[in-house]
Amino acid sequence: MESYEDKLELVASGRAIAVLPVGDLRSSLRPDLVTVPIEGAPPSRVVVVSRKGDPNPMIRSFRLAAKAVLTAPAA
């Protein structure tokens, strides 16, 4: 799957589910899908991966922003 819309199509067809972060407004793009809050679930791990030496300055900016706001798992 390349695009967000392709992924939503899989969900709409009943072949997949999606877990979105709270506040993700993209789920409102399709009137045939609804969101259901998941309560009591433990926080999920976030992993950021990029190609070594990627020249795109947005990659570096994103990594710095993610590092600034994400917390490490409890030891």
N, C-alpha and C. Protein backbone atom coordinates (compact mmCIF):
# COMPACT_ATOMS: atom_id res chain seq x y z
N MET A 1 0.84 -1.17 0.00
CA MET A 1 0.00 0.00 0.00
C MET A 1 0.89 1.24 0.00
N GLU A 2 0.61 2.11 -0.90
CA GLU A 2 1.40 3.33 -1.01
C GLU A 2 0.74 4.52 -0.33
N SER A 3 -0.55 4.67 -0.49
CA SER A 3 -1.19 5.88 0.01
C SER A 3 -2.11 5.59 1.19
N TYR A 4 -2.40 6.64 1.92
CA TYR A 4 -3.33 6.55 3.04
C TYR A 4 -4.70 6.11 2.54
N GLU A 5 -5.10 6.63 1.38
CA GLU A 5 -6.39 6.27 0.81
C GLU A 5 -6.47 4.79 0.47
N ASP A 6 -5.36 4.21 -0.02
CA ASP A 6 -5.32 2.77 -0.31
C ASP A 6 -5.52 1.96 0.96
N LYS A 7 -4.92 2.41 2.04
CA LYS A 7 -5.06 1.72 3.32
C LYS A 7 -6.49 1.80 3.81
N LEU A 8 -7.12 2.97 3.66
CA LEU A 8 -8.52 3.10 4.05
C LEU A 8 -9.42 2.20 3.21
N GLU A 9 -9.07 2.01 1.97
CA GLU A 9 -9.85 1.13 1.10
C GLU A 9 -9.82 -0.31 1.62
N LEU A 10 -8.66 -0.75 2.11
CA LEU A 10 -8.56 -2.09 2.72
C LEU A 10 -9.46 -2.19 3.95
N VAL A 11 -9.48 -1.15 4.75
CA VAL A 11 -10.33 -1.14 5.95
C VAL A 11 -11.80 -1.18 5.53
N ALA A 12 -12.16 -0.36 4.56
CA ALA A 12 -13.55 -0.30 4.11
C ALA A 12 -14.01 -1.62 3.52
N SER A 13 -13.08 -2.36 2.92
CA SER A 13 -13.44 -3.64 2.31
C SER A 13 -13.53 -4.76 3.34
N GLY A 14 -13.14 -4.47 4.59
CA GLY A 14 -13.19 -5.49 5.64
C GLY A 14 -11.97 -6.38 5.70
N ARG A 15 -10.93 -6.05 4.95
CA ARG A 15 -9.71 -6.88 4.94
C ARG A 15 -8.64 -6.41 5.89
N ALA A 16 -8.88 -5.28 6.59
CA ALA A 16 -7.87 -4.75 7.52
C ALA A 16 -8.56 -3.86 8.54
N ILE A 17 -7.82 -3.58 9.60
CA ILE A 17 -8.24 -2.57 10.58
C ILE A 17 -7.11 -1.56 10.68
N ALA A 18 -7.39 -0.41 11.22
CA ALA A 18 -6.36 0.60 11.41
C ALA A 18 -6.46 1.14 12.82
N VAL A 19 -5.32 1.40 13.42
CA VAL A 19 -5.26 2.05 14.73
C VAL A 19 -4.61 3.40 14.51
N LEU A 20 -5.36 4.45 14.84
CA LEU A 20 -4.90 5.81 14.63
C LEU A 20 -4.68 6.49 15.96
N PRO A 21 -3.76 7.45 16.01
CA PRO A 21 -3.57 8.20 17.25
C PRO A 21 -4.77 9.10 17.53
N VAL A 22 -4.99 9.39 18.79
CA VAL A 22 -6.06 10.32 19.18
C VAL A 22 -5.84 11.64 18.47
N GLY A 23 -6.90 12.19 17.93
CA GLY A 23 -6.80 13.48 17.28
C GLY A 23 -6.47 13.42 15.81
N ASP A 24 -6.25 12.24 15.26
CA ASP A 24 -5.97 12.12 13.83
C ASP A 24 -7.27 12.39 13.08
N LEU A 25 -7.34 13.51 12.42
CA LEU A 25 -8.57 13.92 11.75
C LEU A 25 -8.73 13.31 10.37
N ARG A 26 -7.72 12.60 9.89
CA ARG A 26 -7.83 12.01 8.56
C ARG A 26 -8.94 10.97 8.49
N SER A 27 -9.30 10.38 9.64
CA SER A 27 -10.33 9.34 9.63
C SER A 27 -11.69 9.89 9.22
N SER A 28 -11.84 11.20 9.24
CA SER A 28 -13.13 11.79 8.85
C SER A 28 -13.24 11.98 7.34
N LEU A 29 -12.25 11.53 6.58
CA LEU A 29 -12.27 11.70 5.14
C LEU A 29 -13.30 10.81 4.44
N ARG A 30 -13.67 9.71 5.08
CA ARG A 30 -14.60 8.77 4.44
C ARG A 30 -15.84 8.62 5.29
N PRO A 31 -17.00 8.90 4.72
CA PRO A 31 -18.24 8.78 5.49
C PRO A 31 -18.64 7.34 5.77
N ASP A 32 -18.01 6.38 5.06
CA ASP A 32 -18.38 4.97 5.27
C ASP A 32 -17.55 4.29 6.35
N LEU A 33 -16.65 5.03 7.01
CA LEU A 33 -15.83 4.47 8.10
C LEU A 33 -16.08 5.27 9.37
N VAL A 34 -15.98 4.59 10.50
CA VAL A 34 -16.11 5.25 11.79
C VAL A 34 -14.92 4.88 12.65
N THR A 35 -14.65 5.70 13.65
CA THR A 35 -13.59 5.38 14.61
C THR A 35 -14.23 4.94 15.92
N VAL A 36 -13.55 4.04 16.60
CA VAL A 36 -14.01 3.55 17.89
C VAL A 36 -12.84 3.72 18.86
N PRO A 37 -13.01 4.50 19.92
CA PRO A 37 -11.90 4.69 20.86
C PRO A 37 -11.49 3.38 21.53
N ILE A 38 -10.21 3.20 21.69
CA ILE A 38 -9.67 2.06 22.43
C ILE A 38 -9.24 2.60 23.79
N GLU A 39 -9.89 2.13 24.83
CA GLU A 39 -9.58 2.63 26.17
C GLU A 39 -8.90 1.54 26.98
N GLY A 40 -7.95 1.95 27.79
CA GLY A 40 -7.28 1.01 28.68
C GLY A 40 -6.13 0.25 28.03
N ALA A 41 -5.84 0.52 26.79
CA ALA A 41 -4.73 -0.16 26.12
C ALA A 41 -3.42 0.51 26.53
N PRO A 42 -2.38 -0.28 26.71
CA PRO A 42 -1.09 0.33 27.06
C PRO A 42 -0.56 1.16 25.90
N PRO A 43 0.28 2.14 26.18
CA PRO A 43 0.87 2.93 25.09
C PRO A 43 1.62 2.03 24.12
N SER A 44 1.63 2.41 22.87
CA SER A 44 2.34 1.60 21.88
C SER A 44 3.71 2.20 21.60
N ARG A 45 4.59 1.37 21.14
CA ARG A 45 5.95 1.78 20.83
C ARG A 45 5.97 2.52 19.50
N VAL A 46 6.73 3.58 19.43
CA VAL A 46 6.90 4.34 18.20
C VAL A 46 8.31 4.12 17.70
N VAL A 47 8.42 3.80 16.43
CA VAL A 47 9.74 3.59 15.82
C VAL A 47 9.85 4.50 14.61
N VAL A 48 10.95 5.21 14.52
CA VAL A 48 11.21 6.07 13.36
C VAL A 48 12.38 5.47 12.61
N VAL A 49 12.18 5.21 11.34
CA VAL A 49 13.22 4.61 10.51
C VAL A 49 13.41 5.47 9.26
N SER A 50 14.66 5.68 8.89
CA SER A 50 14.95 6.40 7.65
C SER A 50 16.20 5.80 7.03
N ARG A 51 16.38 6.10 5.75
CA ARG A 51 17.58 5.61 5.05
C ARG A 51 18.79 6.41 5.51
N LYS A 52 19.89 5.73 5.75
CA LYS A 52 21.13 6.39 6.16
C LYS A 52 21.57 7.36 5.07
N GLY A 53 21.87 8.57 5.48
CA GLY A 53 22.35 9.57 4.54
C GLY A 53 21.29 10.17 3.64
N ASP A 54 20.00 10.00 3.99
CA ASP A 54 18.93 10.57 3.17
C ASP A 54 19.12 12.09 3.12
N PRO A 55 19.18 12.68 1.94
CA PRO A 55 19.45 14.12 1.83
C PRO A 55 18.24 15.02 2.12
N ASN A 56 17.07 14.44 2.29
CA ASN A 56 15.87 15.23 2.51
C ASN A 56 15.95 15.91 3.88
N PRO A 57 15.96 17.25 3.93
CA PRO A 57 16.08 17.95 5.21
C PRO A 57 14.86 17.73 6.11
N MET A 58 13.73 17.34 5.53
CA MET A 58 12.54 17.08 6.34
C MET A 58 12.74 15.85 7.23
N ILE A 59 13.53 14.88 6.77
CA ILE A 59 13.79 13.68 7.57
C ILE A 59 14.50 14.08 8.86
N ARG A 60 15.55 14.86 8.73
CA ARG A 60 16.30 15.30 9.91
C ARG A 60 15.40 16.12 10.84
N SER A 61 14.61 17.03 10.27
CA SER A 61 13.72 17.86 11.08
C SER A 61 12.70 17.00 11.82
N PHE A 62 12.14 16.01 11.13
CA PHE A 62 11.17 15.13 11.77
C PHE A 62 11.81 14.35 12.91
N ARG A 63 13.00 13.81 12.67
CA ARG A 63 13.68 13.04 13.73
C ARG A 63 13.94 13.92 14.95
N LEU A 64 14.37 15.16 14.74
CA LEU A 64 14.63 16.05 15.87
C LEU A 64 13.33 16.39 16.61
N ALA A 65 12.26 16.64 15.87
CA ALA A 65 10.98 16.93 16.51
C ALA A 65 10.46 15.73 17.29
N ALA A 66 10.57 14.54 16.70
CA ALA A 66 10.10 13.32 17.38
C ALA A 66 10.90 13.09 18.67
N LYS A 67 12.20 13.28 18.57
CA LYS A 67 13.05 13.09 19.75
C LYS A 67 12.68 14.05 20.88
N ALA A 68 12.25 15.25 20.50
CA ALA A 68 11.93 16.27 21.49
C ALA A 68 10.61 15.98 22.22
N VAL A 69 9.68 15.28 21.56
CA VAL A 69 8.36 15.08 22.18
C VAL A 69 8.07 13.67 22.62
N LEU A 70 8.76 12.70 22.08
CA LEU A 70 8.50 11.30 22.47
C LEU A 70 9.33 10.94 23.69
N THR A 71 8.77 10.12 24.54
CA THR A 71 9.47 9.70 25.76
C THR A 71 9.98 8.27 25.59
N ALA A 72 11.05 8.00 26.26
CA ALA A 72 11.61 6.64 26.24
C ALA A 72 10.77 5.73 27.11
N PRO A 73 10.73 4.43 26.80
CA PRO A 73 9.98 3.50 27.65
C PRO A 73 10.58 3.42 29.05
N ALA A 74 9.74 3.16 30.01
CA ALA A 74 10.20 3.03 31.38
C ALA A 74 11.14 1.83 31.50
N ALA A 75 12.20 2.02 32.24
CA ALA A 75 13.20 0.93 32.41
C ALA A 75 12.72 -0.11 33.38
